[in-house]
Amino acid sequence: MHVVQGQLSAEGRTFGIVVGRFNSIVTSQLFNGAIDCLMRHGGTDAAITAVYVPGSFEIPQAALQMATSGRFDALICLGCVIRGDTPHFDYIAAEVTRGLGHIALQTGVPVGFGILTTDNLEQALERAGAKAGNKGWDAALSAMELLQVQSQLKKQ
């Protein structure tokens, strides 16, 4: 049996990080987690480009431009959508998820999904470095691992 699984290394790879500024108390912590993860796994400042957009809805547009530029081995997308009293949450969460999935499939560029969809600010903060870890870190790990898996699959 041949098993393909990724190693966790950012060494020699370029990463684009797209960050929604809306709910920046949360997204700034997700960004810090992603950067910390990349650096602890061999990444360098020169190999990381951060792009800030107004909110989560705009993340797929910037991510598509980055993915098709040929400059990035992987993307890490970070945002936070908090449920309110209207259906706006459902529309934004669904469209961002659909958009990022489409970009990954269309371009083949790995997309680390760090978009929080929570019921309240407390839940978001828990997922941005408190009780539930840091989902920005997790998105960076996913991007690194998928890069390695793709590399191995291309060699077969």
N, C-alpha and C. Protein backbone atom coordinates (compact mmCIF):
# COMPACT_ATOMS: atom_id res chain seq x y z
N MET A 1 0.85 -1.17 0.00
CA MET A 1 0.00 0.00 0.00
C MET A 1 0.89 1.23 0.00
N HIS A 2 0.54 2.19 -0.82
CA HIS A 2 1.26 3.46 -0.89
C HIS A 2 0.40 4.54 -0.22
N VAL A 3 0.96 5.22 0.74
CA VAL A 3 0.23 6.26 1.47
C VAL A 3 0.83 7.62 1.15
N VAL A 4 -0.02 8.57 0.85
CA VAL A 4 0.41 9.94 0.60
C VAL A 4 -0.13 10.81 1.72
N GLN A 5 0.76 11.48 2.40
CA GLN A 5 0.35 12.43 3.42
C GLN A 5 1.39 13.53 3.51
N GLY A 6 0.92 14.72 3.83
CA GLY A 6 1.77 15.88 3.80
C GLY A 6 2.64 16.06 5.03
N GLN A 7 3.79 16.64 4.80
CA GLN A 7 4.67 17.06 5.89
C GLN A 7 4.35 18.52 6.18
N LEU A 8 4.63 18.96 7.36
CA LEU A 8 4.32 20.33 7.73
C LEU A 8 5.57 21.18 7.61
N SER A 9 5.73 21.80 6.45
CA SER A 9 6.88 22.66 6.20
C SER A 9 6.48 23.81 5.29
N ALA A 10 6.92 25.01 5.67
CA ALA A 10 6.70 26.20 4.84
C ALA A 10 7.99 26.59 4.13
N GLU A 11 9.05 25.86 4.39
CA GLU A 11 10.36 26.19 3.85
C GLU A 11 10.35 26.20 2.32
N GLY A 12 10.83 27.30 1.74
CA GLY A 12 10.94 27.42 0.30
C GLY A 12 9.62 27.66 -0.42
N ARG A 13 8.57 27.91 0.30
CA ARG A 13 7.24 28.11 -0.30
C ARG A 13 6.78 29.55 -0.11
N THR A 14 5.92 30.01 -1.02
CA THR A 14 5.35 31.35 -0.91
C THR A 14 3.88 31.25 -0.52
N PHE A 15 3.48 32.15 0.34
CA PHE A 15 2.11 32.15 0.86
C PHE A 15 1.49 33.52 0.71
N GLY A 16 0.25 33.53 0.28
CA GLY A 16 -0.55 34.74 0.28
C GLY A 16 -1.59 34.60 1.38
N ILE A 17 -1.71 35.64 2.19
CA ILE A 17 -2.71 35.63 3.26
C ILE A 17 -3.71 36.75 2.97
N VAL A 18 -4.98 36.40 2.89
CA VAL A 18 -6.04 37.39 2.69
C VAL A 18 -6.79 37.51 4.00
N VAL A 19 -6.89 38.74 4.50
CA VAL A 19 -7.50 38.99 5.81
C VAL A 19 -8.63 40.00 5.67
N GLY A 20 -9.81 39.65 6.16
CA GLY A 20 -10.91 40.59 6.23
C GLY A 20 -10.73 41.50 7.44
N ARG A 21 -10.86 42.80 7.23
CA ARG A 21 -10.70 43.74 8.35
C ARG A 21 -11.92 43.79 9.26
N PHE A 22 -13.11 43.46 8.74
CA PHE A 22 -14.31 43.50 9.57
C PHE A 22 -14.14 42.49 10.70
N ASN A 23 -14.50 42.87 11.91
CA ASN A 23 -14.26 42.07 13.12
C ASN A 23 -12.76 41.90 13.34
N SER A 24 -12.01 42.98 13.17
CA SER A 24 -10.55 42.92 13.25
C SER A 24 -10.03 42.50 14.62
N ILE A 25 -10.82 42.66 15.66
CA ILE A 25 -10.39 42.16 16.97
C ILE A 25 -10.16 40.65 16.91
N VAL A 26 -10.87 39.99 16.02
CA VAL A 26 -10.74 38.54 15.82
C VAL A 26 -9.75 38.25 14.70
N THR A 27 -9.91 38.90 13.56
CA THR A 27 -9.08 38.56 12.40
C THR A 27 -7.61 38.89 12.61
N SER A 28 -7.32 39.89 13.43
CA SER A 28 -5.90 40.19 13.70
C SER A 28 -5.26 39.04 14.47
N GLN A 29 -6.01 38.40 15.34
CA GLN A 29 -5.49 37.26 16.08
C GLN A 29 -5.35 36.03 15.18
N LEU A 30 -6.28 35.86 14.24
CA LEU A 30 -6.15 34.77 13.28
C LEU A 30 -4.89 34.96 12.44
N PHE A 31 -4.65 36.21 12.01
CA PHE A 31 -3.46 36.54 11.23
C PHE A 31 -2.19 36.23 12.03
N ASN A 32 -2.16 36.65 13.28
CA ASN A 32 -0.99 36.38 14.13
C ASN A 32 -0.74 34.88 14.25
N GLY A 33 -1.82 34.11 14.39
CA GLY A 33 -1.68 32.66 14.48
C GLY A 33 -1.12 32.06 13.21
N ALA A 34 -1.60 32.52 12.05
CA ALA A 34 -1.12 31.99 10.77
C ALA A 34 0.36 32.32 10.58
N ILE A 35 0.75 33.55 10.89
CA ILE A 35 2.15 33.96 10.74
C ILE A 35 3.04 33.14 11.68
N ASP A 36 2.62 32.98 12.91
CA ASP A 36 3.39 32.20 13.88
C ASP A 36 3.58 30.77 13.38
N CYS A 37 2.53 30.18 12.85
CA CYS A 37 2.60 28.82 12.33
C CYS A 37 3.59 28.72 11.18
N LEU A 38 3.49 29.62 10.22
CA LEU A 38 4.39 29.58 9.07
C LEU A 38 5.84 29.74 9.51
N MET A 39 6.10 30.68 10.40
CA MET A 39 7.47 30.92 10.85
C MET A 39 8.04 29.73 11.62
N ARG A 40 7.21 29.10 12.42
CA ARG A 40 7.68 27.94 13.19
C ARG A 40 7.91 26.71 12.32
N HIS A 41 7.43 26.78 11.08
CA HIS A 41 7.60 25.66 10.15
C HIS A 41 8.50 26.04 8.98
N GLY A 42 9.40 27.00 9.21
CA GLY A 42 10.42 27.30 8.22
C GLY A 42 10.10 28.42 7.24
N GLY A 43 8.98 29.10 7.42
CA GLY A 43 8.62 30.21 6.54
C GLY A 43 9.47 31.44 6.82
N THR A 44 9.46 32.37 5.88
CA THR A 44 10.19 33.63 6.05
C THR A 44 9.27 34.80 5.71
N ASP A 45 9.60 35.97 6.27
CA ASP A 45 8.82 37.18 5.97
C ASP A 45 8.77 37.45 4.48
N ALA A 46 9.88 37.25 3.80
CA ALA A 46 9.95 37.55 2.36
C ALA A 46 9.05 36.66 1.53
N ALA A 47 8.66 35.51 2.07
CA ALA A 47 7.84 34.55 1.32
C ALA A 47 6.35 34.70 1.62
N ILE A 48 5.97 35.72 2.39
CA ILE A 48 4.58 35.91 2.79
C ILE A 48 4.11 37.29 2.33
N THR A 49 2.96 37.32 1.68
CA THR A 49 2.31 38.58 1.30
C THR A 49 0.95 38.62 1.95
N ALA A 50 0.67 39.69 2.69
CA ALA A 50 -0.63 39.87 3.33
C ALA A 50 -1.44 40.90 2.56
N VAL A 51 -2.68 40.57 2.29
CA VAL A 51 -3.60 41.47 1.61
C VAL A 51 -4.82 41.64 2.51
N TYR A 52 -5.16 42.89 2.81
CA TYR A 52 -6.31 43.19 3.64
C TYR A 52 -7.47 43.65 2.76
N VAL A 53 -8.64 43.13 3.05
CA VAL A 53 -9.86 43.51 2.33
C VAL A 53 -10.89 43.94 3.36
N PRO A 54 -11.96 44.64 2.92
CA PRO A 54 -12.92 45.16 3.90
C PRO A 54 -13.55 44.11 4.81
N GLY A 55 -13.98 43.00 4.25
CA GLY A 55 -14.65 41.99 5.07
C GLY A 55 -14.56 40.63 4.43
N SER A 56 -15.23 39.67 5.00
CA SER A 56 -15.15 38.29 4.52
C SER A 56 -15.70 38.13 3.11
N PHE A 57 -16.74 38.87 2.76
CA PHE A 57 -17.32 38.74 1.43
C PHE A 57 -16.31 39.05 0.33
N GLU A 58 -15.37 39.94 0.60
CA GLU A 58 -14.39 40.35 -0.40
C GLU A 58 -13.18 39.42 -0.47
N ILE A 59 -13.06 38.50 0.46
CA ILE A 59 -11.90 37.61 0.49
C ILE A 59 -11.77 36.76 -0.79
N PRO A 60 -12.84 36.14 -1.29
CA PRO A 60 -12.67 35.33 -2.51
C PRO A 60 -12.17 36.13 -3.72
N GLN A 61 -12.60 37.38 -3.85
CA GLN A 61 -12.15 38.17 -5.00
C GLN A 61 -10.64 38.38 -4.96
N ALA A 62 -10.12 38.77 -3.80
CA ALA A 62 -8.67 38.96 -3.67
C ALA A 62 -7.94 37.62 -3.80
N ALA A 63 -8.52 36.58 -3.22
CA ALA A 63 -7.88 35.26 -3.28
C ALA A 63 -7.78 34.77 -4.72
N LEU A 64 -8.79 35.01 -5.52
CA LEU A 64 -8.75 34.59 -6.93
C LEU A 64 -7.63 35.32 -7.67
N GLN A 65 -7.51 36.61 -7.44
CA GLN A 65 -6.44 37.37 -8.09
C GLN A 65 -5.07 36.84 -7.69
N MET A 66 -4.92 36.51 -6.42
CA MET A 66 -3.65 35.99 -5.94
C MET A 66 -3.38 34.59 -6.51
N ALA A 67 -4.41 33.75 -6.52
CA ALA A 67 -4.23 32.38 -7.00
C ALA A 67 -3.86 32.34 -8.48
N THR A 68 -4.42 33.24 -9.26
CA THR A 68 -4.14 33.23 -10.70
C THR A 68 -2.89 34.02 -11.06
N SER A 69 -2.28 34.68 -10.11
CA SER A 69 -1.07 35.47 -10.39
C SER A 69 0.16 34.60 -10.63
N GLY A 70 0.14 33.37 -10.10
CA GLY A 70 1.30 32.49 -10.22
C GLY A 70 2.40 32.80 -9.22
N ARG A 71 2.16 33.72 -8.32
CA ARG A 71 3.19 34.13 -7.36
C ARG A 71 3.13 33.36 -6.04
N PHE A 72 2.06 32.63 -5.81
CA PHE A 72 1.87 32.01 -4.50
C PHE A 72 1.67 30.50 -4.63
N ASP A 73 2.36 29.77 -3.76
CA ASP A 73 2.20 28.32 -3.72
C ASP A 73 0.89 27.95 -3.02
N ALA A 74 0.49 28.76 -2.03
CA ALA A 74 -0.74 28.49 -1.29
C ALA A 74 -1.29 29.79 -0.74
N LEU A 75 -2.59 29.76 -0.43
CA LEU A 75 -3.26 30.91 0.17
C LEU A 75 -3.83 30.52 1.52
N ILE A 76 -3.91 31.50 2.38
CA ILE A 76 -4.53 31.33 3.68
C ILE A 76 -5.54 32.46 3.81
N CYS A 77 -6.81 32.11 3.94
CA CYS A 77 -7.88 33.10 3.96
C CYS A 77 -8.48 33.19 5.36
N LEU A 78 -8.50 34.41 5.90
CA LEU A 78 -8.89 34.62 7.28
C LEU A 78 -9.99 35.68 7.39
N GLY A 79 -11.07 35.31 8.03
CA GLY A 79 -12.17 36.25 8.21
C GLY A 79 -13.06 35.81 9.36
N CYS A 80 -14.02 36.65 9.67
CA CYS A 80 -14.93 36.35 10.77
C CYS A 80 -16.31 36.90 10.46
N VAL A 81 -17.29 36.00 10.44
CA VAL A 81 -18.69 36.37 10.24
C VAL A 81 -19.44 35.95 11.51
N ILE A 82 -20.05 36.94 12.17
CA ILE A 82 -20.77 36.68 13.41
C ILE A 82 -22.27 36.82 13.14
N ARG A 83 -23.02 35.82 13.58
CA ARG A 83 -24.47 35.81 13.35
C ARG A 83 -25.12 37.03 14.01
N GLY A 84 -26.06 37.60 13.28
CA GLY A 84 -26.85 38.71 13.81
C GLY A 84 -28.32 38.34 13.81
N ASP A 85 -29.16 39.36 13.75
CA ASP A 85 -30.61 39.13 13.80
C ASP A 85 -31.25 38.96 12.43
N THR A 86 -30.44 39.07 11.37
CA THR A 86 -30.98 38.95 10.02
C THR A 86 -30.31 37.77 9.30
N PRO A 87 -30.83 37.39 8.14
CA PRO A 87 -30.23 36.27 7.40
C PRO A 87 -28.91 36.64 6.70
N HIS A 88 -28.44 37.86 6.84
CA HIS A 88 -27.19 38.31 6.22
C HIS A 88 -26.04 37.33 6.50
N PHE A 89 -25.93 36.85 7.72
CA PHE A 89 -24.90 35.89 8.12
C PHE A 89 -24.89 34.68 7.20
N ASP A 90 -26.06 34.11 6.96
CA ASP A 90 -26.18 32.89 6.14
C ASP A 90 -25.69 33.13 4.72
N TYR A 91 -26.05 34.27 4.16
CA TYR A 91 -25.64 34.58 2.78
C TYR A 91 -24.14 34.78 2.68
N ILE A 92 -23.58 35.54 3.59
CA ILE A 92 -22.14 35.82 3.55
C ILE A 92 -21.35 34.54 3.78
N ALA A 93 -21.69 33.79 4.82
CA ALA A 93 -20.96 32.56 5.13
C ALA A 93 -20.99 31.59 3.96
N ALA A 94 -22.16 31.43 3.34
CA ALA A 94 -22.28 30.48 2.23
C ALA A 94 -21.48 30.94 1.02
N GLU A 95 -21.55 32.21 0.68
CA GLU A 95 -20.86 32.71 -0.51
C GLU A 95 -19.35 32.69 -0.35
N VAL A 96 -18.85 33.03 0.82
CA VAL A 96 -17.40 32.99 1.05
C VAL A 96 -16.91 31.56 0.96
N THR A 97 -17.61 30.65 1.57
CA THR A 97 -17.22 29.24 1.53
C THR A 97 -17.25 28.71 0.10
N ARG A 98 -18.32 29.00 -0.61
CA ARG A 98 -18.45 28.54 -2.00
C ARG A 98 -17.35 29.15 -2.86
N GLY A 99 -17.11 30.44 -2.69
CA GLY A 99 -16.09 31.12 -3.49
C GLY A 99 -14.70 30.56 -3.28
N LEU A 100 -14.33 30.34 -2.04
CA LEU A 100 -12.98 29.82 -1.77
C LEU A 100 -12.83 28.38 -2.24
N GLY A 101 -13.87 27.58 -2.10
CA GLY A 101 -13.81 26.22 -2.61
C GLY A 101 -13.66 26.20 -4.13
N HIS A 102 -14.38 27.09 -4.78
CA HIS A 102 -14.30 27.20 -6.25
C HIS A 102 -12.89 27.60 -6.67
N ILE A 103 -12.29 28.55 -5.96
CA ILE A 103 -10.93 29.00 -6.30
C ILE A 103 -9.94 27.86 -6.18
N ALA A 104 -10.02 27.11 -5.10
CA ALA A 104 -9.11 25.99 -4.90
C ALA A 104 -9.25 24.95 -6.03
N LEU A 105 -10.47 24.63 -6.38
CA LEU A 105 -10.70 23.63 -7.43
C LEU A 105 -10.34 24.16 -8.82
N GLN A 106 -10.66 25.42 -9.07
CA GLN A 106 -10.41 26.01 -10.39
C GLN A 106 -8.93 26.21 -10.66
N THR A 107 -8.18 26.64 -9.65
CA THR A 107 -6.78 27.01 -9.87
C THR A 107 -5.80 25.93 -9.45
N GLY A 108 -6.19 25.04 -8.55
CA GLY A 108 -5.27 24.05 -8.02
C GLY A 108 -4.37 24.59 -6.92
N VAL A 109 -4.52 25.86 -6.59
CA VAL A 109 -3.73 26.45 -5.52
C VAL A 109 -4.40 26.11 -4.19
N PRO A 110 -3.67 25.51 -3.25
CA PRO A 110 -4.26 25.19 -1.95
C PRO A 110 -4.76 26.45 -1.24
N VAL A 111 -5.94 26.34 -0.66
CA VAL A 111 -6.53 27.45 0.08
C VAL A 111 -6.81 27.00 1.50
N GLY A 112 -6.09 27.58 2.45
CA GLY A 112 -6.36 27.31 3.86
C GLY A 112 -7.57 28.12 4.29
N PHE A 113 -8.57 27.44 4.82
CA PHE A 113 -9.85 28.07 5.16
C PHE A 113 -9.87 28.48 6.63
N GLY A 114 -9.71 29.76 6.87
CA GLY A 114 -9.73 30.30 8.23
C GLY A 114 -10.83 31.33 8.39
N ILE A 115 -12.01 31.00 7.89
CA ILE A 115 -13.16 31.90 8.01
C ILE A 115 -14.01 31.40 9.17
N LEU A 116 -14.07 32.18 10.23
CA LEU A 116 -14.90 31.80 11.37
C LEU A 116 -16.34 32.18 11.11
N THR A 117 -17.26 31.31 11.44
CA THR A 117 -18.69 31.59 11.38
C THR A 117 -19.25 31.21 12.74
N THR A 118 -19.52 32.22 13.54
CA THR A 118 -19.90 31.97 14.93
C THR A 118 -21.21 32.68 15.28
N ASP A 119 -21.78 32.27 16.38
CA ASP A 119 -23.02 32.89 16.84
C ASP A 119 -22.79 34.20 17.58
N ASN A 120 -21.58 34.36 18.15
CA ASN A 120 -21.32 35.59 18.91
C ASN A 120 -19.82 35.86 18.98
N LEU A 121 -19.49 37.04 19.48
CA LEU A 121 -18.09 37.45 19.56
C LEU A 121 -17.29 36.54 20.49
N GLU A 122 -17.89 36.10 21.57
CA GLU A 122 -17.19 35.22 22.51
C GLU A 122 -16.71 33.93 21.82
N GLN A 123 -17.57 33.32 21.03
CA GLN A 123 -17.18 32.11 20.30
C GLN A 123 -16.05 32.41 19.32
N ALA A 124 -16.12 33.56 18.67
CA ALA A 124 -15.08 33.93 17.70
C ALA A 124 -13.74 34.09 18.41
N LEU A 125 -13.74 34.78 19.53
CA LEU A 125 -12.49 34.99 20.27
C LEU A 125 -11.92 33.68 20.78
N GLU A 126 -12.79 32.75 21.16
CA GLU A 126 -12.32 31.43 21.60
C GLU A 126 -11.58 30.70 20.48
N ARG A 127 -11.99 30.92 19.25
CA ARG A 127 -11.39 30.25 18.10
C ARG A 127 -10.22 31.03 17.50
N ALA A 128 -9.96 32.20 18.06
CA ALA A 128 -8.88 33.05 17.57
C ALA A 128 -7.73 33.11 18.57
N GLY A 129 -7.58 32.07 19.35
CA GLY A 129 -6.44 32.00 20.24
C GLY A 129 -6.76 31.74 21.69
N ALA A 130 -8.02 31.63 22.03
CA ALA A 130 -8.36 31.36 23.43
C ALA A 130 -8.60 29.85 23.61
N LYS A 131 -9.74 29.47 24.14
CA LYS A 131 -10.02 28.08 24.51
C LYS A 131 -9.91 27.08 23.36
N ALA A 132 -10.35 27.46 22.18
CA ALA A 132 -10.45 26.51 21.07
C ALA A 132 -9.25 26.59 20.13
N GLY A 133 -8.12 27.09 20.58
CA GLY A 133 -6.95 27.20 19.72
C GLY A 133 -7.07 28.40 18.80
N ASN A 134 -6.27 28.40 17.75
CA ASN A 134 -6.28 29.50 16.80
C ASN A 134 -6.52 28.93 15.41
N LYS A 135 -7.66 29.26 14.83
CA LYS A 135 -8.04 28.72 13.52
C LYS A 135 -7.19 29.33 12.40
N GLY A 136 -6.52 30.46 12.64
CA GLY A 136 -5.56 30.98 11.68
C GLY A 136 -4.35 30.05 11.58
N TRP A 137 -3.88 29.58 12.73
CA TRP A 137 -2.80 28.59 12.78
C TRP A 137 -3.23 27.34 12.02
N ASP A 138 -4.45 26.86 12.31
CA ASP A 138 -4.95 25.65 11.66
C ASP A 138 -5.04 25.80 10.15
N ALA A 139 -5.47 26.98 9.68
CA ALA A 139 -5.57 27.21 8.23
C ALA A 139 -4.19 27.19 7.59
N ALA A 140 -3.19 27.73 8.28
CA ALA A 140 -1.82 27.70 7.76
C ALA A 140 -1.31 26.26 7.70
N LEU A 141 -1.57 25.48 8.73
CA LEU A 141 -1.18 24.06 8.73
C LEU A 141 -1.82 23.32 7.55
N SER A 142 -3.10 23.56 7.32
CA SER A 142 -3.80 22.90 6.22
C SER A 142 -3.18 23.25 4.88
N ALA A 143 -2.85 24.53 4.69
CA ALA A 143 -2.25 24.96 3.43
C ALA A 143 -0.90 24.28 3.22
N MET A 144 -0.08 24.22 4.27
CA MET A 144 1.23 23.57 4.17
C MET A 144 1.09 22.09 3.84
N GLU A 145 0.18 21.43 4.53
CA GLU A 145 0.02 19.99 4.32
C GLU A 145 -0.47 19.69 2.92
N LEU A 146 -1.42 20.46 2.44
CA LEU A 146 -1.94 20.22 1.10
C LEU A 146 -0.88 20.48 0.04
N LEU A 147 -0.01 21.47 0.26
CA LEU A 147 1.10 21.70 -0.68
C LEU A 147 1.96 20.45 -0.80
N GLN A 148 2.27 19.84 0.32
CA GLN A 148 3.10 18.65 0.31
C GLN A 148 2.39 17.46 -0.35
N VAL A 149 1.11 17.33 -0.09
CA VAL A 149 0.34 16.24 -0.72
C VAL A 149 0.34 16.44 -2.23
N GLN A 150 0.08 17.66 -2.68
CA GLN A 150 0.08 17.93 -4.12
C GLN A 150 1.44 17.59 -4.75
N SER A 151 2.48 17.97 -4.07
CA SER A 151 3.83 17.71 -4.57
C SER A 151 4.06 16.21 -4.73
N GLN A 152 3.65 15.45 -3.74
CA GLN A 152 3.82 13.99 -3.81
C GLN A 152 2.97 13.37 -4.90
N LEU A 153 1.75 13.85 -5.07
CA LEU A 153 0.86 13.31 -6.10
C LEU A 153 1.39 13.61 -7.50
N LYS A 154 2.02 14.75 -7.68
CA LYS A 154 2.59 15.11 -8.99
C LYS A 154 3.77 14.20 -9.34
N LYS A 155 4.49 13.72 -8.34
CA LYS A 155 5.67 12.87 -8.57
C LYS A 155 5.27 11.45 -8.94
N GLN A 156 4.07 11.06 -8.63
CA GLN A 156 3.64 9.67 -8.89
C GLN A 156 3.30 9.46 -10.34
